[in-house]
């Protein structure tokens, strides 16, 4: 078992790890308290680009955890930071809802509905056929194509909702292209944004989450400790069959407390 006492920053997934739907998972608040008592820190790291940091501040508050926006890093913010660097002075057409558009604009992305220079695709909970046709047209035309994250499903209280990965599969089937760049977990773009926020090195962090192909792969791909919790997407069968194996496995966040 790796020594969790060496971890300075716990990067916590949200959906399926800290809460599920509108219900906080048992022991999550106890885990936060233990991290703080032992002099470490935490940062919520979510691929879900259908909401911005301020939304999550309110959501966590309703569950009993009072935090500021600096405790939350979304794939939307990480995407904005990367796109401002890669496409200075360029305009983006965004497949996403108003939360994502507001977050991108807040971090300097210039948005447009006509004649864009590049395309950003996010998890759009207001998706319709007109939007899908538009994004496929732009991608098919060869514009640079950035996606906020790769998740296929978003966990809910009743199962799963199709996430951006499923939308990207639709786009690929129609337009024949995958994104040129994906920012969120397990890719390095979101980890770069963490380093910008904290000044810490990858080896000083642990990635904690419920998904093998995003959360655990983030740790493996970026030189961080990877911790799987069994409160979300991953089942015992999935874990046994996967080539992606975590450094350690816990039933839930609170099970880590004795090792902090």
Foldseek 3Di string as FASTA:
>chain_A
DDQPLLAQEEAEEPDLAQAAALGGDPQSVVLQVLCVVSNHYYAYEYAALQAALVVVQVSVVVNPDHDDSLRYDYLLLLVLVVCCVVPPPFEEEEAADPRSVVNSVVSPHHYDPPDGQAYEYFWHPPDDPVSLVVVLVVVLVPHQYEYSAQDQWGGHPVGTDGGVNVSQVVSCVRRVDHHPYYQAFLDCSSVVVVCVSPVDAQQNYEFEEADQRGRLSNCVVRVYQYEHEPRGDDDPVNQVPDPRHHPYYYPGSNVCSVSD
